[in-house]
Amino acid sequence: MPLEDLSLILNQVGLFRDLPQEVREILARATQVLSLAKGQAFQGSGVGHVMSGHLKQAITTPDGSEKVIDILGPHRQFGLAELFGRAGHACAVVAVTPVVLLQIGREAVLQALEICPELPRRMLGEMARRQFSIEHEMAADGCQSGASRVEEYLLSLAEPTRDGRALVDLPFPKLVMAARLGLTPETLSRIFREMSEAGLIEVRGRQVWLQPCLLGRKPTRGVRPSSQLAHAFC
């Protein structure tokens, strides 16, 4: 892709928007557009920016099970903290749907940080949001039931519809959602069944319809996508 086009794309990324042209050109020269198939792991370094699709950041526990730390959708970045250490990514980064992303080389990002004072502030803000997200989720794991975490997560993803309900169109398998919430697939299925029997939701494959009686509940301290937490810092 031409350098000018990459620079324009970077200018649409919140982290790099309206930075000096010189800085964007440094970043653009070290940027690649990558496509990952479902199930393919990201093997690169530097900063990643998701353009389309969804990635999971996951670790494997000693007993062989998987813990999904986060699900990254469009407009999300990863690899910021790793810029400042010598270790690679602490979590595996794997596509759960077909993904297109930008990979921005580590050395170019470090060079941009040296010459552009605004960029470190933005990165610190992004890492602070991530830290807040981790603390928030640890509190939820200790204080909330599995059913409450599922309810809160669905509410955070819901898109209102004209009939007074809301729709969650899961872009990834329920298995990934279960791992994200620290539940077994069997527990998630049971919670969905109980919520359906209680008239709170209607499940049609990956589509989950939230009924008005659920939408009227006030969110508590559950697990929300990190992008939702950004509002706490605005």
C-alpha atoms as a PDB file:
ATOM      1  CA  MET A   1       0.000   0.000   0.000  1.00  0.00           C
ATOM      2  CA  PRO A   2       1.370   3.463  -0.846  1.00  0.00           C
ATOM      3  CA  LEU A   3       2.916   5.429   2.017  1.00  0.00           C
ATOM      4  CA  GLU A   4       0.431   8.274   1.576  1.00  0.00           C
ATOM      5  CA  ASP A   5      -2.520   5.894   1.938  1.00  0.00           C
ATOM      6  CA  LEU A   6      -1.058   4.346   5.092  1.00  0.00           C
ATOM      7  CA  SER A   7      -0.557   7.813   6.564  1.00  0.00           C
ATOM      8  CA  LEU A   8      -4.205   8.667   5.878  1.00  0.00           C
ATOM      9  CA  ILE A   9      -5.354   5.418   7.490  1.00  0.00           C
ATOM     10  CA  LEU A  10      -3.229   6.086  10.572  1.00  0.00           C
ATOM     11  CA  ASN A  11      -4.831   9.503  10.858  1.00  0.00           C
ATOM     12  CA  GLN A  12      -8.179   7.745  11.361  1.00  0.00           C
ATOM     13  CA  VAL A  13      -6.804   5.815  14.346  1.00  0.00           C
ATOM     14  CA  GLY A  14      -7.595   7.653  17.584  1.00  0.00           C
ATOM     15  CA  LEU A  15      -4.132   7.038  19.010  1.00  0.00           C
ATOM     16  CA  PHE A  16      -2.451   8.702  16.028  1.00  0.00           C
ATOM     17  CA  ARG A  17      -5.112  11.167  14.855  1.00  0.00           C
ATOM     18  CA  ASP A  18      -3.902  14.690  14.023  1.00  0.00           C
ATOM     19  CA  LEU A  19      -0.291  13.973  14.919  1.00  0.00           C
ATOM     20  CA  PRO A  20       2.277  15.964  12.920  1.00  0.00           C
ATOM     21  CA  GLN A  21       2.707  14.744   9.360  1.00  0.00           C
ATOM     22  CA  GLU A  22       6.370  13.938  10.036  1.00  0.00           C
ATOM     23  CA  VAL A  23       5.375  11.586  12.871  1.00  0.00           C
ATOM     24  CA  ARG A  24       2.689   9.838  10.831  1.00  0.00           C
ATOM     25  CA  GLU A  25       5.155   9.286   8.005  1.00  0.00           C
ATOM     26  CA  ILE A  26       7.624   7.644  10.401  1.00  0.00           C
ATOM     27  CA  LEU A  27       4.862   5.326  11.573  1.00  0.00           C
ATOM     28  CA  ALA A  28       3.524   4.703   8.067  1.00  0.00           C
ATOM     29  CA  ARG A  29       6.920   3.540   6.794  1.00  0.00           C
ATOM     30  CA  ALA A  30       6.879   0.813   9.462  1.00  0.00           C
ATOM     31  CA  THR A  31       3.223  -0.183   9.012  1.00  0.00           C
ATOM     32  CA  GLN A  32       1.934  -3.347   7.384  1.00  0.00           C
ATOM     33  CA  VAL A  33      -1.632  -4.398   6.671  1.00  0.00           C
ATOM     34  CA  LEU A  34      -2.089  -8.014   7.772  1.00  0.00           C
ATOM     35  CA  SER A  35      -4.930 -10.470   7.276  1.00  0.00           C
ATOM     36  CA  LEU A  36      -5.450 -13.316   9.758  1.00  0.00           C
ATOM     37  CA  ALA A  37      -7.696 -16.309   9.193  1.00  0.00           C
ATOM     38  CA  LYS A  38      -9.932 -17.539  11.991  1.00  0.00           C
ATOM     39  CA  GLY A  39      -7.760 -19.426  14.478  1.00  0.00           C
ATOM     40  CA  GLN A  40      -4.512 -17.864  13.239  1.00  0.00           C
ATOM     41  CA  ALA A  41      -2.198 -16.358  15.858  1.00  0.00           C
ATOM     42  CA  PHE A  42      -0.580 -12.947  15.518  1.00  0.00           C
ATOM     43  CA  GLN A  43       3.182 -13.527  15.486  1.00  0.00           C
ATOM     44  CA  GLY A  44       4.488  -9.993  15.051  1.00  0.00           C
ATOM     45  CA  SER A  45       5.761  -7.285  17.372  1.00  0.00           C
ATOM     46  CA  GLY A  46       5.057  -3.600  17.815  1.00  0.00           C
ATOM     47  CA  VAL A  47       1.575  -2.106  18.039  1.00  0.00           C
ATOM     48  CA  GLY A  48      -1.435  -3.778  16.476  1.00  0.00           C
ATOM     49  CA  HIS A  49      -4.639  -1.962  15.499  1.00  0.00           C
ATOM     50  CA  VAL A  50      -7.733  -3.980  14.581  1.00  0.00           C
ATOM     51  CA  MET A  51      -9.450  -2.702  11.454  1.00  0.00           C
ATOM     52  CA  SER A  52     -12.062  -5.451  11.141  1.00  0.00           C
ATOM     53  CA  GLY A  53     -12.862  -8.743  12.849  1.00  0.00           C
ATOM     54  CA  HIS A  54     -12.129  -9.884  16.393  1.00  0.00           C
ATOM     55  CA  LEU A  55      -9.045 -11.147  18.218  1.00  0.00           C
ATOM     56  CA  LYS A  56      -8.785 -12.776  21.621  1.00  0.00           C
ATOM     57  CA  GLN A  57      -5.953 -12.229  24.064  1.00  0.00           C
ATOM     58  CA  ALA A  58      -5.652 -15.450  26.030  1.00  0.00           C
ATOM     59  CA  ILE A  59      -3.417 -17.433  28.338  1.00  0.00           C
ATOM     60  CA  THR A  60      -3.318 -21.162  29.030  1.00  0.00           C
ATOM     61  CA  THR A  61      -3.615 -22.079  32.705  1.00  0.00           C
ATOM     62  CA  PRO A  62      -1.544 -24.861  34.317  1.00  0.00           C
ATOM     63  CA  ASP A  63      -4.502 -27.264  34.078  1.00  0.00           C
ATOM     64  CA  GLY A  64      -4.654 -26.728  30.314  1.00  0.00           C
ATOM     65  CA  SER A  65      -7.766 -24.557  30.209  1.00  0.00           C
ATOM     66  CA  GLU A  66      -7.884 -21.214  28.431  1.00  0.00           C
ATOM     67  CA  LYS A  67      -8.516 -17.851  30.059  1.00  0.00           C
ATOM     68  CA  VAL A  68      -9.546 -15.123  27.636  1.00  0.00           C
ATOM     69  CA  ILE A  69      -8.206 -11.830  28.979  1.00  0.00           C
ATOM     70  CA  ASP A  70      -9.866  -9.622  26.400  1.00  0.00           C
ATOM     71  CA  ILE A  71     -11.665  -9.650  23.072  1.00  0.00           C
ATOM     72  CA  LEU A  72     -10.426  -6.970  20.693  1.00  0.00           C
ATOM     73  CA  GLY A  73     -12.797  -5.662  18.068  1.00  0.00           C
ATOM     74  CA  PRO A  74     -12.466  -2.897  15.467  1.00  0.00           C
ATOM     75  CA  HIS A  75     -10.606   0.264  16.587  1.00  0.00           C
ATOM     76  CA  ARG A  76      -8.839  -1.531  19.455  1.00  0.00           C
ATOM     77  CA  GLN A  77      -5.036  -1.627  19.896  1.00  0.00           C
ATOM     78  CA  PHE A  78      -2.727  -4.130  21.526  1.00  0.00           C
ATOM     79  CA  GLY A  79       0.991  -4.357  22.243  1.00  0.00           C
ATOM     80  CA  LEU A  80       1.350  -0.933  23.892  1.00  0.00           C
ATOM     81  CA  ALA A  81       2.772  -2.142  27.201  1.00  0.00           C
ATOM     82  CA  GLU A  82       5.113  -4.569  25.427  1.00  0.00           C
ATOM     83  CA  LEU A  83       6.797  -1.604  23.731  1.00  0.00           C
ATOM     84  CA  PHE A  84       8.538  -0.796  26.995  1.00  0.00           C
ATOM     85  CA  GLY A  85       9.774  -4.269  27.935  1.00  0.00           C
ATOM     86  CA  ARG A  86      12.039  -6.834  26.361  1.00  0.00           C
ATOM     87  CA  ALA A  87       9.552  -9.682  26.605  1.00  0.00           C
ATOM     88  CA  GLY A  88       7.079 -10.398  23.835  1.00  0.00           C
ATOM     89  CA  HIS A  89       3.317 -10.460  24.170  1.00  0.00           C
ATOM     90  CA  ALA A  90       2.307 -11.865  27.557  1.00  0.00           C
ATOM     91  CA  CYS A  91      -0.861 -13.340  26.029  1.00  0.00           C
ATOM     92  CA  ALA A  92      -1.448 -15.230  22.832  1.00  0.00           C
ATOM     93  CA  VAL A  93      -3.270 -13.030  20.317  1.00  0.00           C
ATOM     94  CA  VAL A  94      -5.499 -15.188  18.115  1.00  0.00           C
ATOM     95  CA  ALA A  95      -8.174 -14.361  15.548  1.00  0.00           C
ATOM     96  CA  VAL A  96     -11.630 -15.617  16.529  1.00  0.00           C
ATOM     97  CA  THR A  97     -13.031 -14.334  13.223  1.00  0.00           C
ATOM     98  CA  PRO A  98     -11.212 -13.310  10.025  1.00  0.00           C
ATOM     99  CA  VAL A  99      -9.232 -10.182  10.934  1.00  0.00           C
ATOM    100  CA  VAL A 100      -7.577  -7.298   9.109  1.00  0.00           C
ATOM    101  CA  LEU A 101      -5.159  -5.281  11.214  1.00  0.00           C
ATOM    102  CA  LEU A 102      -2.365  -2.755  11.070  1.00  0.00           C
ATOM    103  CA  GLN A 103       0.997  -3.814  12.471  1.00  0.00           C
ATOM    104  CA  ILE A 104       3.207  -0.829  13.342  1.00  0.00           C
ATOM    105  CA  GLY A 105       6.869  -1.618  13.990  1.00  0.00           C
ATOM    106  CA  ARG A 106       8.254  -1.201  17.505  1.00  0.00           C
ATOM    107  CA  GLU A 107      11.281   0.937  16.621  1.00  0.00           C
ATOM    108  CA  ALA A 108       9.177   3.386  14.618  1.00  0.00           C
ATOM    109  CA  VAL A 109       6.720   3.812  17.501  1.00  0.00           C
ATOM    110  CA  LEU A 110       9.579   4.408  19.945  1.00  0.00           C
ATOM    111  CA  GLN A 111      11.049   7.008  17.581  1.00  0.00           C
ATOM    112  CA  ALA A 112       7.671   8.740  17.317  1.00  0.00           C
ATOM    113  CA  LEU A 113       7.401   8.791  21.111  1.00  0.00           C
ATOM    114  CA  GLU A 114      10.735  10.605  21.309  1.00  0.00           C
ATOM    115  CA  ILE A 115       9.751  13.459  19.018  1.00  0.00           C
ATOM    116  CA  CYS A 116       6.020  13.885  19.704  1.00  0.00           C
ATOM    117  CA  PRO A 117       5.031  14.764  23.321  1.00  0.00           C
ATOM    118  CA  GLU A 118       1.333  14.182  22.627  1.00  0.00           C
ATOM    119  CA  LEU A 119       1.786  10.520  21.715  1.00  0.00           C
ATOM    120  CA  PRO A 120       3.142   9.349  25.133  1.00  0.00           C
ATOM    121  CA  ARG A 121       0.182  11.037  26.852  1.00  0.00           C
ATOM    122  CA  ARG A 122      -2.255   9.209  24.611  1.00  0.00           C
ATOM    123  CA  MET A 123      -0.516   5.890  25.176  1.00  0.00           C
ATOM    124  CA  LEU A 124      -0.481   6.389  28.936  1.00  0.00           C
ATOM    125  CA  GLY A 125      -4.214   7.117  28.808  1.00  0.00           C
ATOM    126  CA  GLU A 126      -4.840   3.936  26.821  1.00  0.00           C
ATOM    127  CA  MET A 127      -2.760   1.833  29.210  1.00  0.00           C
ATOM    128  CA  ALA A 128      -4.526   3.427  32.190  1.00  0.00           C
ATOM    129  CA  ARG A 129      -7.872   2.394  30.705  1.00  0.00           C
ATOM    130  CA  ARG A 130      -6.567  -1.138  30.353  1.00  0.00           C
ATOM    131  CA  GLN A 131      -5.380  -1.162  33.963  1.00  0.00           C
ATOM    132  CA  PHE A 132      -8.763   0.116  35.100  1.00  0.00           C
ATOM    133  CA  SER A 133     -10.410  -2.657  33.084  1.00  0.00           C
ATOM    134  CA  ILE A 134      -8.302  -5.347  34.762  1.00  0.00           C
ATOM    135  CA  GLU A 135      -9.084  -4.003  38.252  1.00  0.00           C
ATOM    136  CA  HIS A 136     -12.763  -3.737  37.367  1.00  0.00           C
ATOM    137  CA  GLU A 137     -12.873  -7.349  36.189  1.00  0.00           C
ATOM    138  CA  MET A 138     -10.999  -8.668  39.222  1.00  0.00           C
ATOM    139  CA  ALA A 139     -13.588  -6.982  41.434  1.00  0.00           C
ATOM    140  CA  ALA A 140     -16.398  -8.493  39.359  1.00  0.00           C
ATOM    141  CA  ASP A 141     -14.880 -11.987  39.563  1.00  0.00           C
ATOM    142  CA  GLY A 142     -14.779 -11.752  43.345  1.00  0.00           C
ATOM    143  CA  CYS A 143     -18.106 -10.029  43.961  1.00  0.00           C
ATOM    144  CA  GLN A 144     -20.502 -11.143  41.235  1.00  0.00           C
ATOM    145  CA  SER A 145     -22.161 -14.407  40.322  1.00  0.00           C
ATOM    146  CA  GLY A 146     -21.694 -15.862  36.867  1.00  0.00           C
ATOM    147  CA  ALA A 147     -25.260 -14.897  35.971  1.00  0.00           C
ATOM    148  CA  SER A 148     -24.610 -11.281  36.936  1.00  0.00           C
ATOM    149  CA  ARG A 149     -21.464 -11.157  34.808  1.00  0.00           C
ATOM    150  CA  VAL A 150     -23.339 -12.560  31.814  1.00  0.00           C
ATOM    151  CA  GLU A 151     -26.162 -10.050  32.275  1.00  0.00           C
ATOM    152  CA  GLU A 152     -23.757  -7.124  32.546  1.00  0.00           C
ATOM    153  CA  TYR A 153     -21.750  -8.234  29.521  1.00  0.00           C
ATOM    154  CA  LEU A 154     -24.849  -8.592  27.360  1.00  0.00           C
ATOM    155  CA  LEU A 155     -26.105  -5.167  28.431  1.00  0.00           C
ATOM    156  CA  SER A 156     -22.760  -3.611  27.476  1.00  0.00           C
ATOM    157  CA  LEU A 157     -22.962  -5.053  23.947  1.00  0.00           C
ATOM    158  CA  ALA A 158     -26.657  -4.449  23.312  1.00  0.00           C
ATOM    159  CA  GLU A 159     -27.925  -2.339  20.412  1.00  0.00           C
ATOM    160  CA  PRO A 160     -31.471  -0.934  20.902  1.00  0.00           C
ATOM    161  CA  THR A 161     -34.179  -1.910  18.415  1.00  0.00           C
ATOM    162  CA  ARG A 162     -37.411  -0.156  17.525  1.00  0.00           C
ATOM    163  CA  ASP A 163     -39.626  -2.632  19.370  1.00  0.00           C
ATOM    164  CA  GLY A 164     -38.201  -1.753  22.789  1.00  0.00           C
ATOM    165  CA  ARG A 165     -35.838  -4.684  22.955  1.00  0.00           C
ATOM    166  CA  ALA A 166     -32.098  -4.764  22.254  1.00  0.00           C
ATOM    167  CA  LEU A 167     -29.980  -7.088  20.141  1.00  0.00           C
ATOM    168  CA  VAL A 168     -26.596  -8.603  20.845  1.00  0.00           C
ATOM    169  CA  ASP A 169     -25.222 -10.122  17.636  1.00  0.00           C
ATOM    170  CA  LEU A 170     -22.218 -12.051  18.911  1.00  0.00           C
ATOM    171  CA  PRO A 171     -19.428 -11.946  16.302  1.00  0.00           C
ATOM    172  CA  PHE A 172     -17.629 -14.852  17.997  1.00  0.00           C
ATOM    173  CA  PRO A 173     -18.666 -18.294  19.328  1.00  0.00           C
ATOM    174  CA  LYS A 174     -20.313 -18.590  22.745  1.00  0.00           C
ATOM    175  CA  LEU A 175     -17.301 -20.705  23.732  1.00  0.00           C
ATOM    176  CA  VAL A 176     -15.143 -17.566  23.492  1.00  0.00           C
ATOM    177  CA  MET A 177     -17.674 -15.550  25.489  1.00  0.00           C
ATOM    178  CA  ALA A 178     -17.622 -18.196  28.223  1.00  0.00           C
ATOM    179  CA  ALA A 179     -13.829 -18.076  28.427  1.00  0.00           C
ATOM    180  CA  ARG A 180     -13.946 -14.281  28.478  1.00  0.00           C
ATOM    181  CA  LEU A 181     -16.270 -14.311  31.497  1.00  0.00           C
ATOM    182  CA  GLY A 182     -14.388 -17.032  33.370  1.00  0.00           C
ATOM    183  CA  LEU A 183     -17.175 -19.594  32.904  1.00  0.00           C
ATOM    184  CA  THR A 184     -17.330 -23.083  31.468  1.00  0.00           C
ATOM    185  CA  PRO A 185     -19.389 -23.462  28.262  1.00  0.00           C
ATOM    186  CA  GLU A 186     -21.825 -25.638  30.225  1.00  0.00           C
ATOM    187  CA  THR A 187     -22.319 -22.922  32.851  1.00  0.00           C
ATOM    188  CA  LEU A 188     -22.909 -20.267  30.189  1.00  0.00           C
ATOM    189  CA  SER A 189     -25.482 -22.500  28.471  1.00  0.00           C
ATOM    190  CA  ARG A 190     -27.246 -23.048  31.792  1.00  0.00           C
ATOM    191  CA  ILE A 191     -27.303 -19.297  32.525  1.00  0.00           C
ATOM    192  CA  PHE A 192     -28.684 -18.561  29.053  1.00  0.00           C
ATOM    193  CA  ARG A 193     -31.361 -21.206  29.574  1.00  0.00           C
ATOM    194  CA  GLU A 194     -32.343 -19.802  32.974  1.00  0.00           C
ATOM    195  CA  MET A 195     -32.459 -16.239  31.617  1.00  0.00           C
ATOM    196  CA  SER A 196     -34.600 -17.430  28.699  1.00  0.00           C
ATOM    197  CA  GLU A 197     -37.008 -19.248  31.032  1.00  0.00           C
ATOM    198  CA  ALA A 198     -37.236 -16.093  33.156  1.00  0.00           C
ATOM    199  CA  GLY A 199     -38.234 -14.068  30.084  1.00  0.00           C
ATOM    200  CA  LEU A 200     -35.087 -11.909  30.174  1.00  0.00           C
ATOM    201  CA  ILE A 201     -33.575 -12.954  26.845  1.00  0.00           C
ATOM    202  CA  GLU A 202     -34.345 -14.876  23.670  1.00  0.00           C
ATOM    203  CA  VAL A 203     -31.457 -16.755  22.055  1.00  0.00           C
ATOM    204  CA  ARG A 204     -31.356 -17.491  18.317  1.00  0.00           C
ATOM    205  CA  GLY A 205     -27.969 -18.921  17.469  1.00  0.00           C
ATOM    206  CA  ARG A 206     -25.451 -16.116  18.037  1.00  0.00           C
ATOM    207  CA  GLN A 207     -28.215 -13.517  18.276  1.00  0.00           C
ATOM    208  CA  VAL A 208     -29.352 -12.724  21.802  1.00  0.00           C
ATOM    209  CA  TRP A 209     -32.456 -10.551  22.138  1.00  0.00           C
ATOM    210  CA  LEU A 210     -32.664  -8.656  25.429  1.00  0.00           C
ATOM    211  CA  GLN A 211     -36.197  -8.084  26.656  1.00  0.00           C
ATOM    212  CA  PRO A 212     -37.384  -4.730  28.110  1.00  0.00           C
ATOM    213  CA  CYS A 213     -37.496  -6.155  31.649  1.00  0.00           C
ATOM    214  CA  LEU A 214     -33.717  -6.775  31.462  1.00  0.00           C
ATOM    215  CA  LEU A 215     -32.956  -3.451  29.809  1.00  0.00           C
ATOM    216  CA  GLY A 216     -34.613  -1.625  32.695  1.00  0.00           C
ATOM    217  CA  ARG A 217     -32.049  -2.914  35.159  1.00  0.00           C
ATOM    218  CA  LYS A 218     -29.211  -0.623  36.150  1.00  0.00           C
ATOM    219  CA  PRO A 219     -25.685  -1.876  35.379  1.00  0.00           C
ATOM    220  CA  THR A 220     -23.665  -2.971  38.387  1.00  0.00           C
ATOM    221  CA  ARG A 221     -19.964  -3.768  38.578  1.00  0.00           C
ATOM    222  CA  GLY A 222     -19.689  -6.379  35.878  1.00  0.00           C
ATOM    223  CA  VAL A 223     -17.328  -7.212  33.084  1.00  0.00           C
ATOM    224  CA  ARG A 224     -17.469  -4.736  30.223  1.00  0.00           C
ATOM    225  CA  PRO A 225     -15.437  -4.516  27.035  1.00  0.00           C
ATOM    226  CA  SER A 226     -12.484  -2.194  27.553  1.00  0.00           C
ATOM    227  CA  SER A 227     -13.833   0.200  24.922  1.00  0.00           C
ATOM    228  CA  GLN A 228     -16.853   0.787  27.182  1.00  0.00           C
ATOM    229  CA  LEU A 229     -14.553   1.805  30.022  1.00  0.00           C
ATOM    230  CA  ALA A 230     -13.029   4.637  28.018  1.00  0.00           C
ATOM    231  CA  HIS A 231     -15.919   6.889  29.021  1.00  0.00           C
ATOM    232  CA  ALA A 232     -14.690   6.850  32.615  1.00  0.00           C
ATOM    233  CA  PHE A 233     -11.652   8.837  31.485  1.00  0.00           C
ATOM    234  CA  CYS A 234     -13.419  11.383  29.261  1.00  0.00           C
END
